[in-house]
Amino acid sequence: MKRRRNCLSFLIRHVAQLFVFSGALLLLTLAPAQAEYGDVVLNKRAEKAGMRPVIFPHWFHRIRFKCNVCHSEIGFKMRAGANDIRMAGILNGKFCGACHNNQIAWGAENCHLCHSGLPGLKSGIRGGNATDGPGKW
């Protein structure tokens, strides 16, 4: 009986090790992950106003909301650079300010959470852009 128990624990231990090894091997062979919707860098006015560029994590918002929430209900045009986003508008509840109002999400007094890009970044989309959305980004 004892020998049988030892064989069983040996088998369980080695099967578990095989699963761990297989999982690690699978992770190593996968292509590097890219966000399908990428990050959007906004720097049309930020650095001119003495602020760091804004990094908008489009992918992060997209996994939580359907496209129409921002692009229909809030009014963001579906083209990078086509929106005239200004802090005054955000503070008045337009664009990002529709949600970033200290009720739904943090407010504008947390500047560093959005203005987090390195100085000198050009506006545009970084990362994956495989959406084949309207026009070329």
N, C-alpha and C. Protein backbone atom coordinates (compact mmCIF):
# COMPACT_ATOMS: atom_id res chain seq x y z
N MET A 1 0.82 -1.19 0.00
CA MET A 1 0.00 0.00 0.00
C MET A 1 0.87 1.26 0.00
N LYS A 2 1.91 1.25 0.85
CA LYS A 2 2.81 2.39 0.95
C LYS A 2 3.53 2.61 -0.38
N ARG A 3 3.96 1.53 -1.01
CA ARG A 3 4.66 1.62 -2.29
C ARG A 3 3.73 2.20 -3.36
N ARG A 4 2.49 1.80 -3.32
CA ARG A 4 1.51 2.30 -4.29
C ARG A 4 1.29 3.81 -4.10
N ARG A 5 1.21 4.26 -2.83
CA ARG A 5 1.04 5.67 -2.53
C ARG A 5 2.25 6.47 -3.01
N ASN A 6 3.46 5.94 -2.82
CA ASN A 6 4.67 6.60 -3.28
C ASN A 6 4.69 6.73 -4.81
N CYS A 7 4.26 5.69 -5.49
CA CYS A 7 4.19 5.74 -6.96
C CYS A 7 3.19 6.79 -7.42
N LEU A 8 2.06 6.86 -6.73
CA LEU A 8 1.04 7.83 -7.09
C LEU A 8 1.52 9.25 -6.86
N SER A 9 2.16 9.52 -5.72
CA SER A 9 2.67 10.87 -5.46
C SER A 9 3.79 11.22 -6.45
N PHE A 10 4.62 10.25 -6.81
CA PHE A 10 5.66 10.46 -7.82
C PHE A 10 5.04 10.85 -9.15
N LEU A 11 3.99 10.15 -9.54
CA LEU A 11 3.31 10.42 -10.80
C LEU A 11 2.66 11.80 -10.79
N ILE A 12 1.98 12.12 -9.72
CA ILE A 12 1.31 13.42 -9.61
C ILE A 12 2.34 14.55 -9.67
N ARG A 13 3.44 14.38 -8.94
CA ARG A 13 4.49 15.42 -8.92
C ARG A 13 5.06 15.63 -10.32
N HIS A 14 5.33 14.56 -11.04
CA HIS A 14 5.92 14.70 -12.38
C HIS A 14 4.93 15.22 -13.42
N VAL A 15 3.68 14.85 -13.28
CA VAL A 15 2.66 15.39 -14.19
C VAL A 15 2.52 16.90 -13.96
N ALA A 16 2.53 17.32 -12.69
CA ALA A 16 2.45 18.75 -12.37
C ALA A 16 3.65 19.49 -12.95
N GLN A 17 4.84 18.92 -12.81
CA GLN A 17 6.04 19.54 -13.37
C GLN A 17 5.95 19.63 -14.89
N LEU A 18 5.38 18.63 -15.51
CA LEU A 18 5.21 18.63 -16.96
C LEU A 18 4.28 19.77 -17.39
N PHE A 19 3.19 19.97 -16.65
CA PHE A 19 2.26 21.06 -16.97
C PHE A 19 2.95 22.42 -16.82
N VAL A 20 3.70 22.61 -15.74
CA VAL A 20 4.42 23.88 -15.52
C VAL A 20 5.41 24.11 -16.65
N PHE A 21 6.18 23.10 -17.00
CA PHE A 21 7.16 23.21 -18.08
C PHE A 21 6.46 23.52 -19.41
N SER A 22 5.36 22.83 -19.69
CA SER A 22 4.63 23.06 -20.94
C SER A 22 4.09 24.48 -21.00
N GLY A 23 3.57 24.97 -19.87
CA GLY A 23 3.05 26.34 -19.82
C GLY A 23 4.15 27.36 -20.06
N ALA A 24 5.31 27.15 -19.43
CA ALA A 24 6.44 28.06 -19.62
C ALA A 24 6.91 28.04 -21.07
N LEU A 25 6.98 26.85 -21.65
CA LEU A 25 7.39 26.73 -23.05
C LEU A 25 6.41 27.43 -23.97
N LEU A 26 5.13 27.30 -23.70
CA LEU A 26 4.11 27.97 -24.51
C LEU A 26 4.26 29.48 -24.43
N LEU A 27 4.49 30.01 -23.22
CA LEU A 27 4.67 31.46 -23.06
C LEU A 27 5.89 31.96 -23.82
N LEU A 28 6.94 31.18 -23.85
CA LEU A 28 8.16 31.60 -24.54
C LEU A 28 7.99 31.58 -26.07
N THR A 29 7.12 30.72 -26.57
CA THR A 29 6.98 30.60 -28.01
C THR A 29 5.93 31.54 -28.60
N LEU A 30 5.11 32.15 -27.75
CA LEU A 30 4.09 33.07 -28.25
C LEU A 30 4.74 34.36 -28.75
N ALA A 31 4.14 34.96 -29.75
CA ALA A 31 4.62 36.25 -30.24
C ALA A 31 4.37 37.30 -29.17
N PRO A 32 5.18 38.35 -29.11
CA PRO A 32 4.97 39.39 -28.11
C PRO A 32 3.58 40.02 -28.28
N ALA A 33 2.93 40.26 -27.16
CA ALA A 33 1.57 40.82 -27.20
C ALA A 33 1.61 42.28 -27.61
N GLN A 34 0.64 42.67 -28.40
CA GLN A 34 0.46 44.07 -28.77
C GLN A 34 -1.00 44.42 -28.55
N ALA A 35 -1.23 45.59 -28.04
CA ALA A 35 -2.61 46.03 -27.86
C ALA A 35 -3.20 46.30 -29.23
N GLU A 36 -4.37 45.77 -29.49
CA GLU A 36 -4.98 45.93 -30.80
C GLU A 36 -5.24 47.40 -31.12
N TYR A 37 -5.57 48.17 -30.13
CA TYR A 37 -5.92 49.57 -30.37
C TYR A 37 -4.83 50.54 -29.96
N GLY A 38 -3.74 50.06 -29.45
CA GLY A 38 -2.58 50.88 -29.15
C GLY A 38 -2.81 52.00 -28.15
N ASP A 39 -1.79 52.82 -28.00
CA ASP A 39 -1.85 54.03 -27.18
C ASP A 39 -1.86 55.22 -28.11
N VAL A 40 -2.54 56.28 -27.73
CA VAL A 40 -2.58 57.49 -28.53
C VAL A 40 -1.78 58.55 -27.80
N VAL A 41 -0.80 59.13 -28.49
CA VAL A 41 0.00 60.21 -27.92
C VAL A 41 -0.61 61.52 -28.40
N LEU A 42 -0.93 62.40 -27.45
CA LEU A 42 -1.49 63.72 -27.77
C LEU A 42 -0.47 64.77 -27.36
N ASN A 43 0.09 65.45 -28.35
CA ASN A 43 1.11 66.45 -28.04
C ASN A 43 1.00 67.65 -28.98
N LYS A 44 -0.21 67.95 -29.40
CA LYS A 44 -0.40 69.12 -30.27
C LYS A 44 -0.14 70.41 -29.49
N ARG A 45 -0.58 70.43 -28.23
CA ARG A 45 -0.45 71.65 -27.42
C ARG A 45 0.27 71.43 -26.09
N ALA A 46 0.36 70.20 -25.63
CA ALA A 46 0.84 69.91 -24.27
C ALA A 46 2.20 70.53 -23.97
N GLU A 47 3.19 70.23 -24.76
CA GLU A 47 4.54 70.74 -24.46
C GLU A 47 4.63 72.24 -24.63
N LYS A 48 3.87 72.79 -25.55
CA LYS A 48 3.86 74.25 -25.73
C LYS A 48 3.31 74.93 -24.48
N ALA A 49 2.44 74.21 -23.75
CA ALA A 49 1.86 74.75 -22.52
C ALA A 49 2.67 74.35 -21.28
N GLY A 50 3.84 73.75 -21.49
CA GLY A 50 4.69 73.38 -20.38
C GLY A 50 4.32 72.07 -19.70
N MET A 51 3.55 71.24 -20.38
CA MET A 51 3.13 69.95 -19.82
C MET A 51 3.75 68.82 -20.63
N ARG A 52 3.82 67.65 -20.03
CA ARG A 52 4.28 66.48 -20.77
C ARG A 52 3.18 66.04 -21.72
N PRO A 53 3.52 65.31 -22.79
CA PRO A 53 2.50 64.79 -23.71
C PRO A 53 1.53 63.86 -22.98
N VAL A 54 0.31 63.82 -23.48
CA VAL A 54 -0.71 62.92 -22.93
C VAL A 54 -0.56 61.55 -23.59
N ILE A 55 -0.62 60.51 -22.78
CA ILE A 55 -0.67 59.14 -23.31
C ILE A 55 -2.07 58.63 -23.00
N PHE A 56 -2.86 58.45 -24.05
CA PHE A 56 -4.22 57.93 -23.90
C PHE A 56 -4.21 56.44 -24.21
N PRO A 57 -4.45 55.58 -23.20
CA PRO A 57 -4.45 54.14 -23.43
C PRO A 57 -5.76 53.68 -24.06
N HIS A 58 -5.85 53.81 -25.37
CA HIS A 58 -7.07 53.46 -26.10
C HIS A 58 -7.47 52.02 -25.82
N TRP A 59 -6.50 51.10 -25.81
CA TRP A 59 -6.77 49.69 -25.57
C TRP A 59 -7.43 49.48 -24.22
N PHE A 60 -6.98 50.21 -23.21
CA PHE A 60 -7.50 50.06 -21.85
C PHE A 60 -8.97 50.49 -21.80
N HIS A 61 -9.28 51.58 -22.47
CA HIS A 61 -10.66 52.05 -22.52
C HIS A 61 -11.53 51.13 -23.37
N ARG A 62 -10.96 50.60 -24.44
CA ARG A 62 -11.72 49.75 -25.35
C ARG A 62 -12.13 48.43 -24.73
N ILE A 63 -11.32 47.89 -23.84
CA ILE A 63 -11.71 46.63 -23.22
C ILE A 63 -12.83 46.83 -22.19
N ARG A 64 -13.08 48.08 -21.81
CA ARG A 64 -14.13 48.37 -20.84
C ARG A 64 -15.40 48.95 -21.47
N PHE A 65 -15.27 49.61 -22.61
CA PHE A 65 -16.41 50.28 -23.22
C PHE A 65 -16.52 49.92 -24.70
N LYS A 66 -17.72 49.94 -25.21
CA LYS A 66 -17.93 49.76 -26.65
C LYS A 66 -17.56 51.07 -27.35
N CYS A 67 -17.21 50.96 -28.61
CA CYS A 67 -16.74 52.12 -29.39
C CYS A 67 -17.72 53.30 -29.32
N ASN A 68 -19.04 53.00 -29.39
CA ASN A 68 -20.01 54.08 -29.49
C ASN A 68 -20.07 54.95 -28.23
N VAL A 69 -19.60 54.45 -27.08
CA VAL A 69 -19.63 55.27 -25.87
C VAL A 69 -18.83 56.54 -26.08
N CYS A 70 -17.62 56.42 -26.59
CA CYS A 70 -16.78 57.60 -26.79
C CYS A 70 -16.99 58.24 -28.16
N HIS A 71 -17.15 57.40 -29.18
CA HIS A 71 -17.19 57.93 -30.54
C HIS A 71 -18.57 58.39 -30.99
N SER A 72 -19.61 58.04 -30.28
CA SER A 72 -20.95 58.55 -30.62
C SER A 72 -21.49 59.41 -29.49
N GLU A 73 -21.54 58.84 -28.30
CA GLU A 73 -22.14 59.54 -27.17
C GLU A 73 -21.31 60.74 -26.70
N ILE A 74 -19.99 60.59 -26.63
CA ILE A 74 -19.14 61.69 -26.16
C ILE A 74 -18.70 62.59 -27.32
N GLY A 75 -18.54 62.03 -28.51
CA GLY A 75 -18.25 62.85 -29.68
C GLY A 75 -16.83 62.83 -30.23
N PHE A 76 -16.01 61.87 -29.80
CA PHE A 76 -14.66 61.77 -30.38
C PHE A 76 -14.77 61.31 -31.84
N LYS A 77 -14.13 62.03 -32.75
CA LYS A 77 -14.09 61.61 -34.15
C LYS A 77 -13.17 60.40 -34.26
N MET A 78 -13.47 59.52 -35.18
CA MET A 78 -12.69 58.28 -35.33
C MET A 78 -11.48 58.47 -36.23
N ARG A 79 -10.70 59.47 -35.95
CA ARG A 79 -9.48 59.69 -36.71
C ARG A 79 -8.49 60.39 -35.81
N ALA A 80 -7.31 59.83 -35.72
CA ALA A 80 -6.27 60.42 -34.88
C ALA A 80 -5.99 61.84 -35.33
N GLY A 81 -5.98 62.78 -34.40
CA GLY A 81 -5.68 64.17 -34.70
C GLY A 81 -6.87 65.00 -35.13
N ALA A 82 -8.03 64.39 -35.27
CA ALA A 82 -9.21 65.11 -35.78
C ALA A 82 -9.99 65.82 -34.68
N ASN A 83 -9.65 65.58 -33.43
CA ASN A 83 -10.39 66.17 -32.32
C ASN A 83 -9.63 67.35 -31.73
N ASP A 84 -10.34 68.45 -31.50
CA ASP A 84 -9.73 69.65 -30.93
C ASP A 84 -9.90 69.60 -29.41
N ILE A 85 -9.05 68.80 -28.76
CA ILE A 85 -9.16 68.58 -27.32
C ILE A 85 -8.35 69.65 -26.59
N ARG A 86 -9.03 70.36 -25.71
CA ARG A 86 -8.37 71.39 -24.90
C ARG A 86 -8.74 71.19 -23.44
N MET A 87 -7.85 71.58 -22.54
CA MET A 87 -8.12 71.41 -21.12
C MET A 87 -9.38 72.15 -20.69
N ALA A 88 -9.64 73.31 -21.23
CA ALA A 88 -10.85 74.05 -20.87
C ALA A 88 -12.09 73.22 -21.16
N GLY A 89 -12.11 72.54 -22.30
CA GLY A 89 -13.23 71.68 -22.64
C GLY A 89 -13.35 70.49 -21.69
N ILE A 90 -12.21 69.90 -21.36
CA ILE A 90 -12.21 68.76 -20.44
C ILE A 90 -12.76 69.19 -19.08
N LEU A 91 -12.32 70.35 -18.59
CA LEU A 91 -12.81 70.86 -17.31
C LEU A 91 -14.30 71.16 -17.35
N ASN A 92 -14.83 71.46 -18.54
CA ASN A 92 -16.27 71.73 -18.71
C ASN A 92 -17.05 70.48 -19.08
N GLY A 93 -16.44 69.30 -18.94
CA GLY A 93 -17.16 68.05 -19.16
C GLY A 93 -17.20 67.56 -20.58
N LYS A 94 -16.37 68.13 -21.46
CA LYS A 94 -16.32 67.66 -22.84
C LYS A 94 -15.17 66.66 -22.99
N PHE A 95 -15.23 65.86 -24.06
CA PHE A 95 -14.21 64.86 -24.36
C PHE A 95 -13.90 64.03 -23.11
N CYS A 96 -12.64 63.98 -22.69
CA CYS A 96 -12.22 63.16 -21.54
C CYS A 96 -12.98 63.54 -20.27
N GLY A 97 -13.33 64.81 -20.15
CA GLY A 97 -14.01 65.32 -18.96
C GLY A 97 -15.40 64.76 -18.76
N ALA A 98 -15.97 64.10 -19.77
CA ALA A 98 -17.28 63.48 -19.61
C ALA A 98 -17.22 62.37 -18.56
N CYS A 99 -16.10 61.70 -18.46
CA CYS A 99 -15.93 60.64 -17.46
C CYS A 99 -14.91 61.01 -16.39
N HIS A 100 -13.86 61.71 -16.78
CA HIS A 100 -12.81 62.08 -15.82
C HIS A 100 -13.23 63.35 -15.09
N ASN A 101 -14.16 63.14 -14.12
CA ASN A 101 -14.80 64.24 -13.42
C ASN A 101 -14.85 64.00 -11.90
N ASN A 102 -14.03 63.10 -11.42
CA ASN A 102 -14.00 62.69 -10.00
C ASN A 102 -15.25 61.95 -9.56
N GLN A 103 -16.12 61.60 -10.48
CA GLN A 103 -17.30 60.80 -10.14
C GLN A 103 -17.20 59.44 -10.80
N ILE A 104 -16.95 59.44 -12.12
CA ILE A 104 -16.79 58.18 -12.85
C ILE A 104 -15.33 57.74 -12.80
N ALA A 105 -14.43 58.66 -13.04
CA ALA A 105 -12.98 58.40 -13.00
C ALA A 105 -12.30 59.63 -12.41
N TRP A 106 -11.00 59.51 -12.14
CA TRP A 106 -10.28 60.63 -11.52
C TRP A 106 -10.45 61.90 -12.34
N GLY A 107 -10.27 63.01 -11.68
CA GLY A 107 -10.44 64.31 -12.32
C GLY A 107 -9.13 64.91 -12.80
N ALA A 108 -9.25 66.09 -13.36
CA ALA A 108 -8.13 66.77 -14.02
C ALA A 108 -7.02 67.21 -13.07
N GLU A 109 -7.29 67.25 -11.76
CA GLU A 109 -6.23 67.66 -10.83
C GLU A 109 -5.12 66.62 -10.73
N ASN A 110 -5.35 65.42 -11.25
CA ASN A 110 -4.33 64.37 -11.29
C ASN A 110 -3.60 64.42 -12.63
N CYS A 111 -3.01 65.55 -12.92
CA CYS A 111 -2.38 65.81 -14.22
C CYS A 111 -1.45 64.69 -14.69
N HIS A 112 -0.61 64.22 -13.78
CA HIS A 112 0.43 63.25 -14.12
C HIS A 112 -0.12 61.92 -14.63
N LEU A 113 -1.37 61.61 -14.32
CA LEU A 113 -1.92 60.33 -14.78
C LEU A 113 -2.15 60.33 -16.30
N CYS A 114 -2.41 61.48 -16.87
CA CYS A 114 -2.60 61.58 -18.33
C CYS A 114 -1.36 62.17 -19.01
N HIS A 115 -0.84 63.23 -18.43
CA HIS A 115 0.34 63.88 -18.98
C HIS A 115 1.58 63.12 -18.51
N SER A 116 1.77 61.93 -19.09
CA SER A 116 2.82 61.04 -18.61
C SER A 116 3.85 60.69 -19.67
N GLY A 117 3.70 61.24 -20.88
CA GLY A 117 4.63 60.92 -21.96
C GLY A 117 5.97 61.62 -21.80
N LEU A 118 6.99 61.05 -22.43
CA LEU A 118 8.31 61.67 -22.40
C LEU A 118 8.31 62.89 -23.30
N PRO A 119 8.99 63.95 -22.88
CA PRO A 119 9.06 65.14 -23.73
C PRO A 119 9.60 64.79 -25.12
N GLY A 120 9.04 65.42 -26.12
CA GLY A 120 9.49 65.21 -27.49
C GLY A 120 8.70 64.17 -28.26
N LEU A 121 7.78 63.47 -27.61
CA LEU A 121 6.97 62.48 -28.33
C LEU A 121 6.07 63.17 -29.34
N LYS A 122 6.00 62.61 -30.51
CA LYS A 122 5.12 63.14 -31.55
C LYS A 122 3.72 62.57 -31.37
N SER A 123 2.71 63.35 -31.71
CA SER A 123 1.34 62.87 -31.65
C SER A 123 1.16 61.71 -32.61
N GLY A 124 0.30 60.78 -32.24
CA GLY A 124 0.01 59.64 -33.10
C GLY A 124 -0.28 58.39 -32.30
N ILE A 125 -0.45 57.29 -32.99
CA ILE A 125 -0.77 56.02 -32.35
C ILE A 125 0.49 55.18 -32.22
N ARG A 126 0.71 54.62 -31.05
CA ARG A 126 1.85 53.76 -30.80
C ARG A 126 1.34 52.37 -30.46
N GLY A 127 2.06 51.36 -30.86
CA GLY A 127 1.65 49.99 -30.57
C GLY A 127 0.80 49.46 -31.70
N GLY A 128 0.02 48.45 -31.40
CA GLY A 128 -0.80 47.82 -32.42
C GLY A 128 -1.86 48.75 -32.99
N ASN A 129 -2.08 48.66 -34.27
CA ASN A 129 -3.13 49.46 -34.91
C ASN A 129 -3.83 48.59 -35.95
N ALA A 130 -4.10 47.35 -35.59
CA ALA A 130 -4.64 46.38 -36.52
C ALA A 130 -6.15 46.44 -36.62
N THR A 131 -6.76 47.58 -36.33
CA THR A 131 -8.20 47.65 -36.34
C THR A 131 -8.76 47.83 -37.74
N ASP A 132 -7.91 48.25 -38.68
CA ASP A 132 -8.38 48.59 -40.03
C ASP A 132 -9.54 49.57 -39.95
N GLY A 133 -9.43 50.52 -39.05
CA GLY A 133 -10.46 51.53 -38.85
C GLY A 133 -10.53 52.48 -40.02
N PRO A 134 -11.33 53.52 -39.90
CA PRO A 134 -11.51 54.46 -41.00
C PRO A 134 -10.21 55.22 -41.31
N GLY A 135 -9.75 55.10 -42.52
CA GLY A 135 -8.53 55.80 -42.93
C GLY A 135 -7.28 55.12 -42.41
N LYS A 136 -6.16 55.65 -42.77
CA LYS A 136 -4.88 55.13 -42.29
C LYS A 136 -4.41 56.02 -41.16
N TRP A 137 -3.96 55.39 -40.09
CA TRP A 137 -3.50 56.13 -38.93
C TRP A 137 -2.12 56.65 -39.20
